[in-house]
Amino acid sequence: MNISKSQLDGVIRTYLKNPEQIKSKTDIKSKEMQADELSISEDVQEFARLVKLASKADDIRIEKVKELKTMINAGTYNIDGKLVADKIIEEHSTEKLI
């Protein structure tokens, strides 16, 4: 398709001649369009608040670490193999559910 210079000039003159009219049509279209909305339920807001609180909590229980260090150094720390195996199985089956 060929566009001649005269056709192009006509389009440009139209836009230059009536900028108010073009602007008002654009304003009408934008008023008709609605913006996206996001509403978050109270349950989700509460969950987010609790996650923030949990992230601020200390992950390391200092007393427990000291107790374990003492037991390891003394040679009295024993690991129950059954508990370890149960935990591995529990974590493996939980991963499949997620």
PDB file of N, CA and C in Angstrom:
ATOM      1  N   MET A   1       0.843  -1.170   0.000  1.00  0.00           N
ATOM      2  CA  MET A   1       0.000   0.000   0.000  1.00  0.00           C
ATOM      3  C   MET A   1       0.886   1.230   0.000  1.00  0.00           C
ATOM      4  N   ASN A   2       0.598   2.143  -0.858  1.00  0.00           N
ATOM      5  CA  ASN A   2       1.362   3.385  -0.948  1.00  0.00           C
ATOM      6  C   ASN A   2       0.574   4.528  -0.320  1.00  0.00           C
ATOM      7  N   ILE A   3       1.281   5.307   0.471  1.00  0.00           N
ATOM      8  CA  ILE A   3       0.670   6.505   1.056  1.00  0.00           C
ATOM      9  C   ILE A   3       1.382   7.697   0.453  1.00  0.00           C
ATOM     10  N   SER A   4       0.576   8.535  -0.171  1.00  0.00           N
ATOM     11  CA  SER A   4       1.176   9.701  -0.818  1.00  0.00           C
ATOM     12  C   SER A   4       1.399  10.803   0.202  1.00  0.00           C
ATOM     13  N   LYS A   5       2.215  11.764  -0.181  1.00  0.00           N
ATOM     14  CA  LYS A   5       2.516  12.891   0.698  1.00  0.00           C
ATOM     15  C   LYS A   5       1.256  13.686   0.991  1.00  0.00           C
ATOM     16  N   SER A   6       0.368  13.841   0.010  1.00  0.00           N
ATOM     17  CA  SER A   6      -0.860  14.606   0.225  1.00  0.00           C
ATOM     18  C   SER A   6      -1.778  13.900   1.232  1.00  0.00           C
ATOM     19  N   GLN A   7      -1.831  12.571   1.174  1.00  0.00           N
ATOM     20  CA  GLN A   7      -2.644  11.834   2.145  1.00  0.00           C
ATOM     21  C   GLN A   7      -2.074  12.001   3.555  1.00  0.00           C
ATOM     22  N   LEU A   8      -0.763  11.917   3.664  1.00  0.00           N
ATOM     23  CA  LEU A   8      -0.099  12.078   4.953  1.00  0.00           C
ATOM     24  C   LEU A   8      -0.306  13.487   5.495  1.00  0.00           C
ATOM     25  N   ASP A   9      -0.213  14.478   4.616  1.00  0.00           N
ATOM     26  CA  ASP A   9      -0.441  15.858   5.041  1.00  0.00           C
ATOM     27  C   ASP A   9      -1.865  16.037   5.551  1.00  0.00           C
ATOM     28  N   GLY A  10      -2.822  15.379   4.896  1.00  0.00           N
ATOM     29  CA  GLY A  10      -4.225  15.476   5.321  1.00  0.00           C
ATOM     30  C   GLY A  10      -4.418  14.921   6.726  1.00  0.00           C
ATOM     31  N   VAL A  11      -3.778  13.809   7.018  1.00  0.00           N
ATOM     32  CA  VAL A  11      -3.886  13.211   8.353  1.00  0.00           C
ATOM     33  C   VAL A  11      -3.254  14.124   9.389  1.00  0.00           C
ATOM     34  N   ILE A  12      -2.093  14.665   9.072  1.00  0.00           N
ATOM     35  CA  ILE A  12      -1.395  15.548  10.015  1.00  0.00           C
ATOM     36  C   ILE A  12      -2.221  16.806  10.266  1.00  0.00           C
ATOM     37  N   ARG A  13      -2.802  17.398   9.192  1.00  0.00           N
ATOM     38  CA  ARG A  13      -3.634  18.597   9.356  1.00  0.00           C
ATOM     39  C   ARG A  13      -4.847  18.311  10.236  1.00  0.00           C
ATOM     40  N   THR A  14      -5.419  17.142  10.091  1.00  0.00           N
ATOM     41  CA  THR A  14      -6.578  16.782  10.912  1.00  0.00           C
ATOM     42  C   THR A  14      -6.212  16.775  12.387  1.00  0.00           C
ATOM     43  N   TYR A  15      -5.081  16.186  12.704  1.00  0.00           N
ATOM     44  CA  TYR A  15      -4.655  16.138  14.102  1.00  0.00           C
ATOM     45  C   TYR A  15      -4.228  17.498  14.621  1.00  0.00           C
ATOM     46  N   LEU A  16      -3.633  18.314  13.777  1.00  0.00           N
ATOM     47  CA  LEU A  16      -3.202  19.640  14.208  1.00  0.00           C
ATOM     48  C   LEU A  16      -4.373  20.605  14.313  1.00  0.00           C
ATOM     49  N   LYS A  17      -5.394  20.414  13.494  1.00  0.00           N
ATOM     50  CA  LYS A  17      -6.524  21.321  13.453  1.00  0.00           C
ATOM     51  C   LYS A  17      -7.427  21.161  14.670  1.00  0.00           C
ATOM     52  N   ASN A  18      -7.668  19.957  15.115  1.00  0.00           N
ATOM     53  CA  ASN A  18      -8.639  19.707  16.169  1.00  0.00           C
ATOM     54  C   ASN A  18      -8.042  18.978  17.380  1.00  0.00           C
ATOM     55  N   PRO A  19      -7.018  19.522  18.007  1.00  0.00           N
ATOM     56  CA  PRO A  19      -6.427  18.804  19.136  1.00  0.00           C
ATOM     57  C   PRO A  19      -7.388  18.678  20.318  1.00  0.00           C
ATOM     58  N   GLU A  20      -8.298  19.682  20.511  1.00  0.00           N
ATOM     59  CA  GLU A  20      -9.251  19.619  21.626  1.00  0.00           C
ATOM     60  C   GLU A  20     -10.206  18.448  21.416  1.00  0.00           C
ATOM     61  N   GLN A  21     -10.689  18.315  20.188  1.00  0.00           N
ATOM     62  CA  GLN A  21     -11.654  17.265  19.887  1.00  0.00           C
ATOM     63  C   GLN A  21     -11.005  15.881  20.069  1.00  0.00           C
ATOM     64  N   ILE A  22      -9.792  15.742  19.620  1.00  0.00           N
ATOM     65  CA  ILE A  22      -9.084  14.471  19.753  1.00  0.00           C
ATOM     66  C   ILE A  22      -8.824  14.176  21.229  1.00  0.00           C
ATOM     67  N   LYS A  23      -8.448  15.214  21.972  1.00  0.00           N
ATOM     68  CA  LYS A  23      -8.164  15.049  23.387  1.00  0.00           C
ATOM     69  C   LYS A  23      -9.425  14.628  24.136  1.00  0.00           C
ATOM     70  N   SER A  24     -10.562  15.244  23.810  1.00  0.00           N
ATOM     71  CA  SER A  24     -11.797  14.912  24.511  1.00  0.00           C
ATOM     72  C   SER A  24     -12.218  13.470  24.216  1.00  0.00           C
ATOM     73  N   LYS A  25     -11.999  12.995  22.999  1.00  0.00           N
ATOM     74  CA  LYS A  25     -12.323  11.608  22.682  1.00  0.00           C
ATOM     75  C   LYS A  25     -11.431  10.659  23.478  1.00  0.00           C
ATOM     76  N   THR A  26     -10.173  11.026  23.625  1.00  0.00           N
ATOM     77  CA  THR A  26      -9.246  10.208  24.399  1.00  0.00           C
ATOM     78  C   THR A  26      -9.659  10.187  25.868  1.00  0.00           C
ATOM     79  N   ASP A  27     -10.065  11.344  26.411  1.00  0.00           N
ATOM     80  CA  ASP A  27     -10.503  11.424  27.800  1.00  0.00           C
ATOM     81  C   ASP A  27     -11.736  10.564  28.039  1.00  0.00           C
ATOM     82  N   ILE A  28     -12.656  10.583  27.093  1.00  0.00           N
ATOM     83  CA  ILE A  28     -13.871   9.776  27.231  1.00  0.00           C
ATOM     84  C   ILE A  28     -13.514   8.300  27.266  1.00  0.00           C
ATOM     85  N   LYS A  29     -12.631   7.874  26.393  1.00  0.00           N
ATOM     86  CA  LYS A  29     -12.231   6.469  26.371  1.00  0.00           C
ATOM     87  C   LYS A  29     -11.550   6.079  27.683  1.00  0.00           C
ATOM     88  N   SER A  30     -10.679   6.949  28.192  1.00  0.00           N
ATOM     89  CA  SER A  30      -9.965   6.605  29.417  1.00  0.00           C
ATOM     90  C   SER A  30     -10.906   6.580  30.613  1.00  0.00           C
ATOM     91  N   LYS A  31     -11.951   7.419  30.619  1.00  0.00           N
ATOM     92  CA  LYS A  31     -12.917   7.388  31.712  1.00  0.00           C
ATOM     93  C   LYS A  31     -13.747   6.116  31.660  1.00  0.00           C
ATOM     94  N   GLU A  32     -14.013   5.633  30.457  1.00  0.00           N
ATOM     95  CA  GLU A  32     -14.796   4.417  30.309  1.00  0.00           C
ATOM     96  C   GLU A  32     -14.015   3.195  30.760  1.00  0.00           C
ATOM     97  N   MET A  33     -12.701   3.231  30.577  1.00  0.00           N
ATOM     98  CA  MET A  33     -11.861   2.099  30.974  1.00  0.00           C
ATOM     99  C   MET A  33     -11.686   2.122  32.487  1.00  0.00           C
ATOM    100  N   GLN A  34     -11.767   0.965  33.098  1.00  0.00           N
ATOM    101  CA  GLN A  34     -11.585   0.883  34.538  1.00  0.00           C
ATOM    102  C   GLN A  34     -10.216   0.298  34.848  1.00  0.00           C
ATOM    103  N   ALA A  35      -9.681   0.757  35.934  1.00  0.00           N
ATOM    104  CA  ALA A  35      -8.380   0.251  36.355  1.00  0.00           C
ATOM    105  C   ALA A  35      -8.569  -1.105  37.037  1.00  0.00           C
ATOM    106  N   ASP A  36      -7.534  -1.921  37.027  1.00  0.00           N
ATOM    107  CA  ASP A  36      -7.573  -3.202  37.717  1.00  0.00           C
ATOM    108  C   ASP A  36      -7.616  -2.966  39.212  1.00  0.00           C
ATOM    109  N   GLU A  37      -8.325  -3.836  39.896  1.00  0.00           N
ATOM    110  CA  GLU A  37      -8.413  -3.729  41.344  1.00  0.00           C
ATOM    111  C   GLU A  37      -7.924  -5.021  41.975  1.00  0.00           C
ATOM    112  N   LEU A  38      -7.390  -4.879  43.160  1.00  0.00           N
ATOM    113  CA  LEU A  38      -6.929  -6.037  43.914  1.00  0.00           C
ATOM    114  C   LEU A  38      -7.507  -5.932  45.309  1.00  0.00           C
ATOM    115  N   SER A  39      -8.233  -6.952  45.724  1.00  0.00           N
ATOM    116  CA  SER A  39      -8.735  -6.956  47.091  1.00  0.00           C
ATOM    117  C   SER A  39      -8.216  -8.210  47.774  1.00  0.00           C
ATOM    118  N   ILE A  40      -7.704  -8.008  48.954  1.00  0.00           N
ATOM    119  CA  ILE A  40      -7.104  -9.105  49.707  1.00  0.00           C
ATOM    120  C   ILE A  40      -7.994  -9.371  50.918  1.00  0.00           C
ATOM    121  N   SER A  41      -8.363 -10.620  51.104  1.00  0.00           N
ATOM    122  CA  SER A  41      -9.254 -10.974  52.212  1.00  0.00           C
ATOM    123  C   SER A  41      -8.555 -10.718  53.547  1.00  0.00           C
ATOM    124  N   GLU A  42      -9.371 -10.612  54.585  1.00  0.00           N
ATOM    125  CA  GLU A  42      -8.820 -10.379  55.917  1.00  0.00           C
ATOM    126  C   GLU A  42      -7.952 -11.557  56.369  1.00  0.00           C
ATOM    127  N   ASP A  43      -8.334 -12.775  55.968  1.00  0.00           N
ATOM    128  CA  ASP A  43      -7.544 -13.950  56.334  1.00  0.00           C
ATOM    129  C   ASP A  43      -6.136 -13.867  55.751  1.00  0.00           C
ATOM    130  N   VAL A  44      -6.039 -13.451  54.494  1.00  0.00           N
ATOM    131  CA  VAL A  44      -4.731 -13.342  53.842  1.00  0.00           C
ATOM    132  C   VAL A  44      -3.921 -12.214  54.477  1.00  0.00           C
ATOM    133  N   GLN A  45      -4.583 -11.116  54.814  1.00  0.00           N
ATOM    134  CA  GLN A  45      -3.882 -10.013  55.470  1.00  0.00           C
ATOM    135  C   GLN A  45      -3.334 -10.460  56.826  1.00  0.00           C
ATOM    136  N   GLU A  46      -4.142 -11.220  57.568  1.00  0.00           N
ATOM    137  CA  GLU A  46      -3.692 -11.724  58.867  1.00  0.00           C
ATOM    138  C   GLU A  46      -2.530 -12.696  58.694  1.00  0.00           C
ATOM    139  N   PHE A  47      -2.614 -13.548  57.682  1.00  0.00           N
ATOM    140  CA  PHE A  47      -1.535 -14.497  57.402  1.00  0.00           C
ATOM    141  C   PHE A  47      -0.247 -13.751  57.078  1.00  0.00           C
ATOM    142  N   ALA A  48      -0.336 -12.713  56.255  1.00  0.00           N
ATOM    143  CA  ALA A  48       0.850 -11.921  55.901  1.00  0.00           C
ATOM    144  C   ALA A  48       1.453 -11.269  57.137  1.00  0.00           C
ATOM    145  N   ARG A  49       0.596 -10.789  58.021  1.00  0.00           N
ATOM    146  CA  ARG A  49       1.079 -10.154  59.251  1.00  0.00           C
ATOM    147  C   ARG A  49       1.812 -11.182  60.119  1.00  0.00           C
ATOM    148  N   LEU A  50       1.257 -12.386  60.215  1.00  0.00           N
ATOM    149  CA  LEU A  50       1.880 -13.429  61.024  1.00  0.00           C
ATOM    150  C   LEU A  50       3.204 -13.899  60.424  1.00  0.00           C
ATOM    151  N   VAL A  51       3.276 -13.952  59.100  1.00  0.00           N
ATOM    152  CA  VAL A  51       4.526 -14.332  58.445  1.00  0.00           C
ATOM    153  C   VAL A  51       5.611 -13.309  58.756  1.00  0.00           C
ATOM    154  N   LYS A  52       5.249 -12.021  58.735  1.00  0.00           N
ATOM    155  CA  LYS A  52       6.228 -10.970  59.073  1.00  0.00           C
ATOM    156  C   LYS A  52       6.708 -11.132  60.505  1.00  0.00           C
ATOM    157  N   LEU A  53       5.775 -11.399  61.430  1.00  0.00           N
ATOM    158  CA  LEU A  53       6.162 -11.583  62.829  1.00  0.00           C
ATOM    159  C   LEU A  53       7.071 -12.794  62.992  1.00  0.00           C
ATOM    160  N   ALA A  54       6.753 -13.867  62.307  1.00  0.00           N
ATOM    161  CA  ALA A  54       7.566 -15.082  62.410  1.00  0.00           C
ATOM    162  C   ALA A  54       8.963 -14.859  61.845  1.00  0.00           C
ATOM    163  N   SER A  55       9.063 -14.056  60.785  1.00  0.00           N
ATOM    164  CA  SER A  55      10.383 -13.820  60.189  1.00  0.00           C
ATOM    165  C   SER A  55      11.270 -12.972  61.098  1.00  0.00           C
ATOM    166  N   LYS A  56      10.649 -12.199  61.989  1.00  0.00           N
ATOM    167  CA  LYS A  56      11.427 -11.370  62.906  1.00  0.00           C
ATOM    168  C   LYS A  56      11.941 -12.172  64.104  1.00  0.00           C
ATOM    169  N   ALA A  57      11.332 -13.322  64.366  1.00  0.00           N
ATOM    170  CA  ALA A  57      11.711 -14.133  65.523  1.00  0.00           C
ATOM    171  C   ALA A  57      13.093 -14.757  65.310  1.00  0.00           C
ATOM    172  N   ASP A  58      13.784 -14.998  66.399  1.00  0.00           N
ATOM    173  CA  ASP A  58      15.102 -15.636  66.323  1.00  0.00           C
ATOM    174  C   ASP A  58      14.944 -17.091  65.909  1.00  0.00           C
ATOM    175  N   ASP A  59      15.715 -17.504  64.916  1.00  0.00           N
ATOM    176  CA  ASP A  59      15.676 -18.875  64.445  1.00  0.00           C
ATOM    177  C   ASP A  59      16.545 -19.791  65.301  1.00  0.00           C
ATOM    178  N   ILE A  60      17.512 -19.228  65.978  1.00  0.00           N
ATOM    179  CA  ILE A  60      18.468 -20.026  66.745  1.00  0.00           C
ATOM    180  C   ILE A  60      18.094 -19.969  68.223  1.00  0.00           C
ATOM    181  N   ARG A  61      17.881 -21.141  68.783  1.00  0.00           N
ATOM    182  CA  ARG A  61      17.619 -21.221  70.220  1.00  0.00           C
ATOM    183  C   ARG A  61      18.959 -21.433  70.914  1.00  0.00           C
ATOM    184  N   ILE A  62      19.502 -20.383  71.452  1.00  0.00           N
ATOM    185  CA  ILE A  62      20.860 -20.374  71.996  1.00  0.00           C
ATOM    186  C   ILE A  62      21.043 -21.422  73.091  1.00  0.00           C
ATOM    187  N   GLU A  63      20.042 -21.561  73.969  1.00  0.00           N
ATOM    188  CA  GLU A  63      20.172 -22.539  75.057  1.00  0.00           C
ATOM    189  C   GLU A  63      20.292 -23.953  74.502  1.00  0.00           C
ATOM    190  N   LYS A  64      19.481 -24.255  73.488  1.00  0.00           N
ATOM    191  CA  LYS A  64      19.504 -25.590  72.886  1.00  0.00           C
ATOM    192  C   LYS A  64      20.861 -25.861  72.224  1.00  0.00           C
ATOM    193  N   VAL A  65      21.403 -24.853  71.546  1.00  0.00           N
ATOM    194  CA  VAL A  65      22.711 -25.007  70.889  1.00  0.00           C
ATOM    195  C   VAL A  65      23.802 -25.262  71.925  1.00  0.00           C
ATOM    196  N   LYS A  66      23.784 -24.515  73.012  1.00  0.00           N
ATOM    197  CA  LYS A  66      24.790 -24.707  74.067  1.00  0.00           C
ATOM    198  C   LYS A  66      24.698 -26.110  74.652  1.00  0.00           C
ATOM    199  N   GLU A  67      23.466 -26.570  74.884  1.00  0.00           N
ATOM    200  CA  GLU A  67      23.266 -27.906  75.444  1.00  0.00           C
ATOM    201  C   GLU A  67      23.801 -28.986  74.499  1.00  0.00           C
ATOM    202  N   LEU A  68      23.513 -28.839  73.207  1.00  0.00           N
ATOM    203  CA  LEU A  68      23.994 -29.823  72.228  1.00  0.00           C
ATOM    204  C   LEU A  68      25.510 -29.802  72.111  1.00  0.00           C
ATOM    205  N   LYS A  69      26.119 -28.622  72.138  1.00  0.00           N
ATOM    206  CA  LYS A  69      27.585 -28.528  72.072  1.00  0.00           C
ATOM    207  C   LYS A  69      28.219 -29.244  73.258  1.00  0.00           C
ATOM    208  N   THR A  70      27.653 -29.032  74.429  1.00  0.00           N
ATOM    209  CA  THR A  70      28.177 -29.674  75.634  1.00  0.00           C
ATOM    210  C   THR A  70      28.081 -31.192  75.521  1.00  0.00           C
ATOM    211  N   MET A  71      26.930 -31.686  75.041  1.00  0.00           N
ATOM    212  CA  MET A  71      26.738 -33.135  74.911  1.00  0.00           C
ATOM    213  C   MET A  71      27.685 -33.721  73.859  1.00  0.00           C
ATOM    214  N   ILE A  72      27.864 -33.018  72.751  1.00  0.00           N
ATOM    215  CA  ILE A  72      28.759 -33.520  71.699  1.00  0.00           C
ATOM    216  C   ILE A  72      30.193 -33.577  72.203  1.00  0.00           C
ATOM    217  N   ASN A  73      30.636 -32.504  72.875  1.00  0.00           N
ATOM    218  CA  ASN A  73      32.001 -32.452  73.412  1.00  0.00           C
ATOM    219  C   ASN A  73      32.232 -33.527  74.474  1.00  0.00           C
ATOM    220  N   ALA A  74      31.183 -33.845  75.242  1.00  0.00           N
ATOM    221  CA  ALA A  74      31.306 -34.858  76.289  1.00  0.00           C
ATOM    222  C   ALA A  74      31.151 -36.271  75.733  1.00  0.00           C
ATOM    223  N   GLY A  75      30.690 -36.379  74.491  1.00  0.00           N
ATOM    224  CA  GLY A  75      30.497 -37.697  73.879  1.00  0.00           C
ATOM    225  C   GLY A  75      29.208 -38.371  74.307  1.00  0.00           C
ATOM    226  N   THR A  76      28.283 -37.618  74.867  1.00  0.00           N
ATOM    227  CA  THR A  76      27.025 -38.209  75.350  1.00  0.00           C
ATOM    228  C   THR A  76      25.855 -37.954  74.409  1.00  0.00           C
ATOM    229  N   TYR A  77      26.110 -37.326  73.309  1.00  0.00           N
ATOM    230  CA  TYR A  77      25.025 -37.033  72.355  1.00  0.00           C
ATOM    231  C   TYR A  77      24.810 -38.247  71.466  1.00  0.00           C
ATOM    232  N   ASN A  78      23.631 -38.841  71.550  1.00  0.00           N
ATOM    233  CA  ASN A  78      23.290 -40.016  70.756  1.00  0.00           C
ATOM    234  C   ASN A  78      22.109 -39.673  69.842  1.00  0.00           C
ATOM    235  N   ILE A  79      22.230 -40.103  68.614  1.00  0.00           N
ATOM    236  CA  ILE A  79      21.173 -39.860  67.643  1.00  0.00           C
ATOM    237  C   ILE A  79      20.346 -41.122  67.511  1.00  0.00           C
ATOM    238  N   ASP A  80      19.017 -40.971  67.623  1.00  0.00           N
ATOM    239  CA  ASP A  80      18.115 -42.104  67.452  1.00  0.00           C
ATOM    240  C   ASP A  80      17.845 -42.273  65.958  1.00  0.00           C
ATOM    241  N   GLY A  81      18.358 -43.353  65.391  1.00  0.00           N
ATOM    242  CA  GLY A  81      18.224 -43.606  63.956  1.00  0.00           C
ATOM    243  C   GLY A  81      16.780 -43.694  63.503  1.00  0.00           C
ATOM    244  N   LYS A  82      15.907 -44.244  64.354  1.00  0.00           N
ATOM    245  CA  LYS A  82      14.504 -44.361  63.999  1.00  0.00           C
ATOM    246  C   LYS A  82      13.874 -42.980  63.845  1.00  0.00           C
ATOM    247  N   LEU A  83      14.189 -42.051  64.729  1.00  0.00           N
ATOM    248  CA  LEU A  83      13.646 -40.688  64.628  1.00  0.00           C
ATOM    249  C   LEU A  83      14.127 -40.002  63.349  1.00  0.00           C
ATOM    250  N   VAL A  84      15.393 -40.207  63.005  1.00  0.00           N
ATOM    251  CA  VAL A  84      15.939 -39.624  61.777  1.00  0.00           C
ATOM    252  C   VAL A  84      15.218 -40.192  60.562  1.00  0.00           C
ATOM    253  N   ALA A  85      15.039 -41.509  60.536  1.00  0.00           N
ATOM    254  CA  ALA A  85      14.346 -42.147  59.410  1.00  0.00           C
ATOM    255  C   ALA A  85      12.903 -41.672  59.308  1.00  0.00           C
ATOM    256  N   ASP A  86      12.227 -41.573  60.450  1.00  0.00           N
ATOM    257  CA  ASP A  86      10.840 -41.082  60.442  1.00  0.00           C
ATOM    258  C   ASP A  86      10.756 -39.664  59.884  1.00  0.00           C
ATOM    259  N   LYS A  87      11.694 -38.834  60.264  1.00  0.00           N
ATOM    260  CA  LYS A  87      11.704 -37.448  59.798  1.00  0.00           C
ATOM    261  C   LYS A  87      11.960 -37.375  58.286  1.00  0.00           C
ATOM    262  N   ILE A  88      12.874 -38.203  57.784  1.00  0.00           N
ATOM    263  CA  ILE A  88      13.167 -38.240  56.343  1.00  0.00           C
ATOM    264  C   ILE A  88      11.917 -38.659  55.576  1.00  0.00           C
ATOM    265  N   ILE A  89      11.235 -39.699  56.058  1.00  0.00           N
ATOM    266  CA  ILE A  89      10.019 -40.169  55.393  1.00  0.00           C
ATOM    267  C   ILE A  89       8.929 -39.098  55.440  1.00  0.00           C
ATOM    268  N   GLU A  90       8.794 -38.451  56.577  1.00  0.00           N
ATOM    269  CA  GLU A  90       7.791 -37.395  56.726  1.00  0.00           C
ATOM    270  C   GLU A  90       8.042 -36.250  55.752  1.00  0.00           C
ATOM    271  N   GLU A  91       9.285 -35.800  55.649  1.00  0.00           N
ATOM    272  CA  GLU A  91       9.616 -34.706  54.741  1.00  0.00           C
ATOM    273  C   GLU A  91       9.441 -35.117  53.278  1.00  0.00           C
ATOM    274  N   HIS A  92       9.789 -36.354  52.962  1.00  0.00           N
ATOM    275  CA  HIS A  92       9.655 -36.831  51.595  1.00  0.00           C
ATOM    276  C   HIS A  92       8.178 -36.888  51.181  1.00  0.00           C
ATOM    277  N   SER A  93       7.321 -37.386  52.065  1.00  0.00           N
ATOM    278  CA  SER A  93       5.890 -37.485  51.730  1.00  0.00           C
ATOM    279  C   SER A  93       5.242 -36.106  51.715  1.00  0.00           C
ATOM    280  N   THR A  94       5.714 -35.162  52.513  1.00  0.00           N
ATOM    281  CA  THR A  94       5.175 -33.803  52.511  1.00  0.00           C
ATOM    282  C   THR A  94       5.531 -33.089  51.230  1.00  0.00           C
ATOM    283  N   GLU A  95       6.712 -33.306  50.683  1.00  0.00           N
ATOM    284  CA  GLU A  95       7.125 -32.651  49.444  1.00  0.00           C
ATOM    285  C   GLU A  95       6.220 -33.055  48.292  1.00  0.00           C
ATOM    286  N   LYS A  96       5.764 -34.292  48.283  1.00  0.00           N
ATOM    287  CA  LYS A  96       4.875 -34.753  47.207  1.00  0.00           C
ATOM    288  C   LYS A  96       3.521 -34.062  47.275  1.00  0.00           C
ATOM    289  N   LEU A  97       3.062 -33.721  48.466  1.00  0.00           N
ATOM    290  CA  LEU A  97       1.785 -33.048  48.625  1.00  0.00           C
ATOM    291  C   LEU A  97       1.846 -31.605  48.167  1.00  0.00           C
ATOM    292  N   ILE A  98       2.999 -30.993  48.286  1.00  0.00           N
ATOM    293  CA  ILE A  98       3.153 -29.594  47.886  1.00  0.00           C
ATOM    294  C   ILE A  98       3.373 -29.560  46.423  1.00  0.00           C
TER     295      ILE A  98
END
